Amino acid sequence: MSKRRSFAVIGLGEFGMTIVEELVALNREVIAIDKDEEAVAKAAKLIPTAFIADSTNEKALKELNIDEVTDAIVCYGDNVTASILTTVILKDLGISHIVVRMDDEYFIPTIKRLGADEVVTPQRIAGVGLANRLGNESFLDYYNLSGNYSVVKITVNKDFEPVTLQALDARNQFGVNIILIQREKRVFSPKANDEIIPLDIINVVGKRRDVEDFSSFINPSDEKEDPKFKKKATKK
């Protein structure tokens, strides 16, 4: 039987605290670490395992039994030196999965060579999402996945004619998948016979160009009368 995953979150700024909060909400085992007493005090309101420690000090981390966790998330971001030194120590301690926040993309190849299994760049992610939301008026939210795939949240046009997912056949017509529907306060994973109706908020997965085409179909502009955006599906 595989070991139950447990997490060390190192660096308790806004990014790190958000991760702690979400992991606690998921009922995961979490150790939170920072040199800043105030930040640790905030984490201590959520978990008893919040510690004031210097993560660049191997002895300090060993004393916290950090080598017993399966995953470590290094959340410093702009402190490249601390991120690098902490990653090297975590690797030496045998942590199975190390995720490092790195705001400066120049250092990403270095941090990967030194042991990071994943590197996240929140500023880039936020910038990509913002640009796509502003560039596509019907996009409420945008998250880029690996390759050219994205998850996009779209509001259905108020004049849209209700149609079932089976009749719409979004996968074959547009190359996208509808994974969630939010209807007022209800959120659900739709089945083939469920309808999309006006003012639904739908979460769509697909290649960016395909999602844009699908969005134009759901929310046609007054100027766009291209036949490929005409509604082909009909309500069953």
Protein backbone atom coordinates (compact mmCIF):
# COMPACT_ATOMS: atom_id res chain seq x y z
CA MET A 1 0.00 0.00 0.00
CA SER A 2 1.37 3.40 -0.98
CA LYS A 3 2.23 5.93 1.68
CA ARG A 4 -0.44 8.58 2.32
CA ARG A 5 0.71 11.87 0.86
CA SER A 6 1.78 14.60 3.27
CA PHE A 7 3.04 18.09 2.53
CA ALA A 8 5.60 20.64 3.67
CA VAL A 9 4.84 24.21 2.60
CA ILE A 10 7.95 26.36 2.90
CA GLY A 11 7.54 30.13 2.67
CA LEU A 12 4.29 31.52 4.05
CA GLY A 13 3.62 34.59 1.98
CA GLU A 14 0.26 34.97 0.27
CA PHE A 15 1.03 32.16 -2.20
CA GLY A 16 2.25 29.74 0.46
CA MET A 17 -0.62 30.50 2.84
CA THR A 18 -3.13 29.89 0.07
CA ILE A 19 -1.63 26.44 -0.47
CA VAL A 20 -1.76 25.71 3.27
CA GLU A 21 -5.41 26.77 3.44
CA GLU A 22 -6.38 24.63 0.45
CA LEU A 23 -4.51 21.55 1.70
CA VAL A 24 -6.13 21.91 5.12
CA ALA A 25 -9.53 22.16 3.42
CA LEU A 26 -8.69 18.91 1.64
CA ASN A 27 -7.88 17.31 5.02
CA ARG A 28 -4.22 16.70 4.14
CA GLU A 29 -1.31 16.48 6.57
CA VAL A 30 0.66 19.73 6.35
CA ILE A 31 3.83 21.17 7.87
CA ALA A 32 4.18 24.94 7.38
CA ILE A 33 7.59 26.61 7.67
CA ASP A 34 8.86 30.19 7.54
CA LYS A 35 11.44 32.37 9.28
CA ASP A 36 8.85 35.09 9.83
CA GLU A 37 7.14 34.74 13.22
CA GLU A 38 4.01 36.61 12.15
CA ALA A 39 3.52 34.41 9.08
CA VAL A 40 3.93 31.25 11.15
CA ALA A 41 1.45 32.55 13.72
CA LYS A 42 -1.11 32.95 10.95
CA ALA A 43 -0.53 29.38 9.76
CA ALA A 44 -0.71 28.13 13.35
CA LYS A 45 -4.36 29.18 13.46
CA LEU A 46 -5.03 26.48 10.88
CA ILE A 47 -2.63 23.69 11.87
CA PRO A 48 -0.56 22.74 14.93
CA THR A 49 2.45 21.91 12.75
CA ALA A 50 3.54 25.44 11.84
CA PHE A 51 7.18 26.19 12.67
CA ILE A 52 9.62 29.09 12.68
CA ALA A 53 12.71 27.77 10.89
CA ASP A 54 15.32 28.60 8.28
CA SER A 55 14.76 26.21 5.37
CA THR A 56 18.30 26.78 4.12
CA ASN A 57 19.54 25.09 7.30
CA GLU A 58 19.54 21.31 6.82
CA LYS A 59 19.78 20.61 10.54
CA ALA A 60 16.69 22.75 11.22
CA LEU A 61 14.67 20.86 8.62
CA LYS A 62 15.80 17.49 9.94
CA GLU A 63 14.67 18.49 13.44
CA LEU A 64 11.19 19.08 12.02
CA ASN A 65 11.20 15.57 10.48
CA ILE A 66 10.57 17.09 7.09
CA ASP A 67 12.14 14.03 5.48
CA GLU A 68 8.97 12.14 6.40
CA VAL A 69 6.70 14.12 4.06
CA THR A 70 6.05 12.95 0.50
CA ASP A 71 5.73 16.41 -1.09
CA ALA A 72 7.41 19.76 -0.48
CA ILE A 73 6.33 23.08 -1.98
CA VAL A 74 8.92 25.87 -1.90
CA CYS A 75 7.02 29.15 -2.13
CA TYR A 76 9.61 31.92 -1.89
CA GLY A 77 9.32 33.12 -5.47
CA ASP A 78 11.59 36.17 -5.58
CA ASN A 79 14.18 34.81 -3.12
CA VAL A 80 16.16 32.78 -5.63
CA THR A 81 19.00 31.92 -3.23
CA ALA A 82 16.65 30.53 -0.57
CA SER A 83 14.70 28.61 -3.21
CA ILE A 84 17.83 27.00 -4.63
CA LEU A 85 19.40 26.10 -1.29
CA THR A 86 16.12 24.74 0.07
CA THR A 87 15.56 22.63 -3.05
CA VAL A 88 19.03 21.09 -2.82
CA ILE A 89 18.50 20.20 0.87
CA LEU A 90 15.06 18.71 0.19
CA LYS A 91 16.50 16.62 -2.62
CA ASP A 92 19.31 15.38 -0.35
CA LEU A 93 16.74 14.48 2.29
CA GLY A 94 14.96 12.25 -0.21
CA ILE A 95 11.67 14.13 -0.62
CA SER A 96 9.73 12.30 -3.35
CA HIS A 97 8.13 15.29 -5.04
CA ILE A 98 9.42 18.86 -4.90
CA VAL A 99 7.49 21.81 -6.33
CA VAL A 100 9.20 25.21 -6.49
CA ARG A 101 7.72 28.61 -7.16
CA MET A 102 10.10 30.61 -9.34
CA ASP A 103 9.12 34.11 -10.44
CA ASP A 104 12.20 34.61 -12.63
CA GLU A 105 11.98 32.18 -15.56
CA TYR A 106 15.72 32.50 -16.16
CA PHE A 107 16.37 30.22 -13.18
CA ILE A 108 13.85 27.50 -14.08
CA PRO A 109 16.37 25.21 -15.89
CA THR A 110 18.77 25.57 -12.95
CA ILE A 111 16.21 24.75 -10.29
CA LYS A 112 15.08 21.69 -12.28
CA ARG A 113 18.64 20.42 -12.56
CA LEU A 114 19.02 20.84 -8.81
CA GLY A 115 16.03 18.65 -8.02
CA ALA A 116 12.71 20.42 -8.58
CA ASP A 117 10.14 18.04 -10.05
CA GLU A 118 7.78 20.90 -10.90
CA VAL A 119 8.27 24.65 -11.23
CA VAL A 120 5.36 27.08 -11.13
CA THR A 121 5.40 30.71 -12.20
CA PRO A 122 2.28 32.35 -10.71
CA GLN A 123 2.93 35.73 -12.32
CA ARG A 124 3.11 34.21 -15.79
CA ILE A 125 0.02 32.09 -15.16
CA ALA A 126 -1.86 35.16 -13.95
CA GLY A 127 -0.66 37.21 -16.93
CA VAL A 128 -1.69 34.58 -19.47
CA GLY A 129 -5.09 34.23 -17.83
CA LEU A 130 -5.67 37.99 -17.67
CA ALA A 131 -4.67 38.55 -21.31
CA ASN A 132 -7.01 35.80 -22.50
CA ARG A 133 -9.91 37.03 -20.36
CA LEU A 134 -9.50 40.60 -21.60
CA GLY A 135 -8.98 39.45 -25.17
CA ASN A 136 -12.16 37.33 -25.16
CA GLU A 137 -15.11 39.16 -23.68
CA SER A 138 -17.12 35.99 -23.02
CA PHE A 139 -14.31 34.37 -20.98
CA LEU A 140 -14.89 34.71 -17.23
CA ASP A 141 -11.74 32.79 -16.34
CA TYR A 142 -8.91 31.11 -18.20
CA TYR A 143 -6.33 28.54 -17.15
CA ASN A 144 -3.63 27.27 -19.47
CA LEU A 145 -2.84 23.54 -19.32
CA SER A 146 0.15 21.75 -20.82
CA GLY A 147 0.63 22.10 -24.54
CA ASN A 148 -2.01 24.17 -26.27
CA TYR A 149 -4.91 23.09 -24.03
CA SER A 150 -6.89 25.37 -21.75
CA VAL A 151 -9.74 25.33 -19.26
CA VAL A 152 -12.08 28.27 -19.86
CA LYS A 153 -15.14 29.46 -17.97
CA ILE A 154 -17.78 30.89 -20.33
CA THR A 155 -21.18 32.51 -19.74
CA VAL A 156 -23.88 31.28 -22.10
CA ASN A 157 -25.60 34.01 -24.13
CA LYS A 158 -29.02 35.08 -22.83
CA ASP A 159 -30.51 34.40 -26.28
CA PHE A 160 -29.04 30.93 -26.62
CA GLU A 161 -31.58 28.24 -27.46
CA PRO A 162 -31.44 25.46 -24.84
CA VAL A 163 -29.89 22.25 -26.12
CA THR A 164 -28.79 18.95 -24.60
CA LEU A 165 -25.12 18.01 -24.54
CA GLN A 166 -25.92 15.01 -26.69
CA ALA A 167 -27.50 17.17 -29.39
CA LEU A 168 -24.80 19.79 -29.13
CA ASP A 169 -22.06 17.17 -29.53
CA ALA A 170 -19.37 19.72 -28.63
CA ARG A 171 -16.55 17.18 -28.74
CA ASN A 172 -17.16 16.25 -32.37
CA GLN A 173 -18.36 19.64 -33.61
CA PHE A 174 -15.75 21.80 -31.87
CA GLY A 175 -13.15 19.49 -30.30
CA VAL A 176 -13.98 20.64 -26.73
CA ASN A 177 -15.41 19.00 -23.62
CA ILE A 178 -17.91 20.60 -21.24
CA ILE A 179 -16.87 19.44 -17.79
CA LEU A 180 -18.95 21.58 -15.40
CA ILE A 181 -22.08 23.70 -15.48
CA GLN A 182 -22.90 26.37 -12.90
CA ARG A 183 -26.57 27.31 -12.84
CA GLU A 184 -27.28 29.96 -10.24
CA LYS A 185 -25.97 28.37 -7.01
CA ARG A 186 -25.88 24.81 -8.33
CA VAL A 187 -22.70 23.32 -9.83
CA PHE A 188 -22.79 19.92 -11.53
CA SER A 189 -20.96 17.65 -13.97
CA PRO A 190 -23.38 17.35 -16.89
CA LYS A 191 -24.64 14.15 -18.49
CA ALA A 192 -25.63 13.64 -22.11
CA ASN A 193 -29.30 14.48 -21.49
CA ASP A 194 -28.59 17.63 -19.47
CA GLU A 195 -29.28 20.91 -21.22
CA ILE A 196 -27.23 24.04 -21.59
CA ILE A 197 -29.52 27.01 -21.08
CA PRO A 198 -29.13 30.80 -21.24
CA LEU A 199 -26.93 32.35 -18.52
CA ASP A 200 -25.35 29.03 -17.55
CA ILE A 201 -21.65 29.29 -16.69
CA ILE A 202 -19.84 26.40 -18.36
CA ASN A 203 -16.30 25.11 -17.89
CA VAL A 204 -14.82 23.99 -21.20
CA VAL A 205 -11.58 22.08 -21.91
CA GLY A 206 -9.88 22.06 -25.30
CA LYS A 207 -7.28 23.63 -27.54
CA ARG A 208 -7.36 27.42 -27.34
CA ARG A 209 -8.47 27.93 -30.95
CA ASP A 210 -11.24 25.33 -30.57
CA VAL A 211 -12.42 26.92 -27.32
CA GLU A 212 -12.50 30.33 -29.02
CA ASP A 213 -14.60 28.89 -31.87
CA PHE A 214 -16.96 27.25 -29.39
CA SER A 215 -17.23 30.49 -27.42
CA SER A 216 -18.13 32.36 -30.61
CA PHE A 217 -20.85 29.79 -31.24
CA ILE A 218 -22.25 30.14 -27.71
CA ASN A 219 -21.96 33.94 -27.79
CA PRO A 220 -22.06 35.09 -31.43
CA SER A 221 -21.22 38.73 -32.01
CA ASP A 222 -23.55 40.88 -34.07
CA GLU A 223 -20.94 41.22 -36.77
CA LYS A 224 -19.93 37.55 -37.04
CA GLU A 225 -22.24 35.69 -39.38
CA ASP A 226 -19.78 33.03 -40.52
CA PRO A 227 -21.80 29.84 -41.23
CA LYS A 228 -19.49 27.74 -39.07
CA PHE A 229 -20.76 29.66 -36.04
CA LYS A 230 -24.43 29.03 -36.86
CA LYS A 231 -26.18 26.80 -34.35
CA LYS A 232 -26.23 23.33 -35.88
CA ALA A 233 -27.51 21.37 -32.89
CA THR A 234 -31.18 21.32 -32.03
CA LYS A 235 -33.02 20.53 -28.84
CA LYS A 236 -34.11 16.92 -28.57
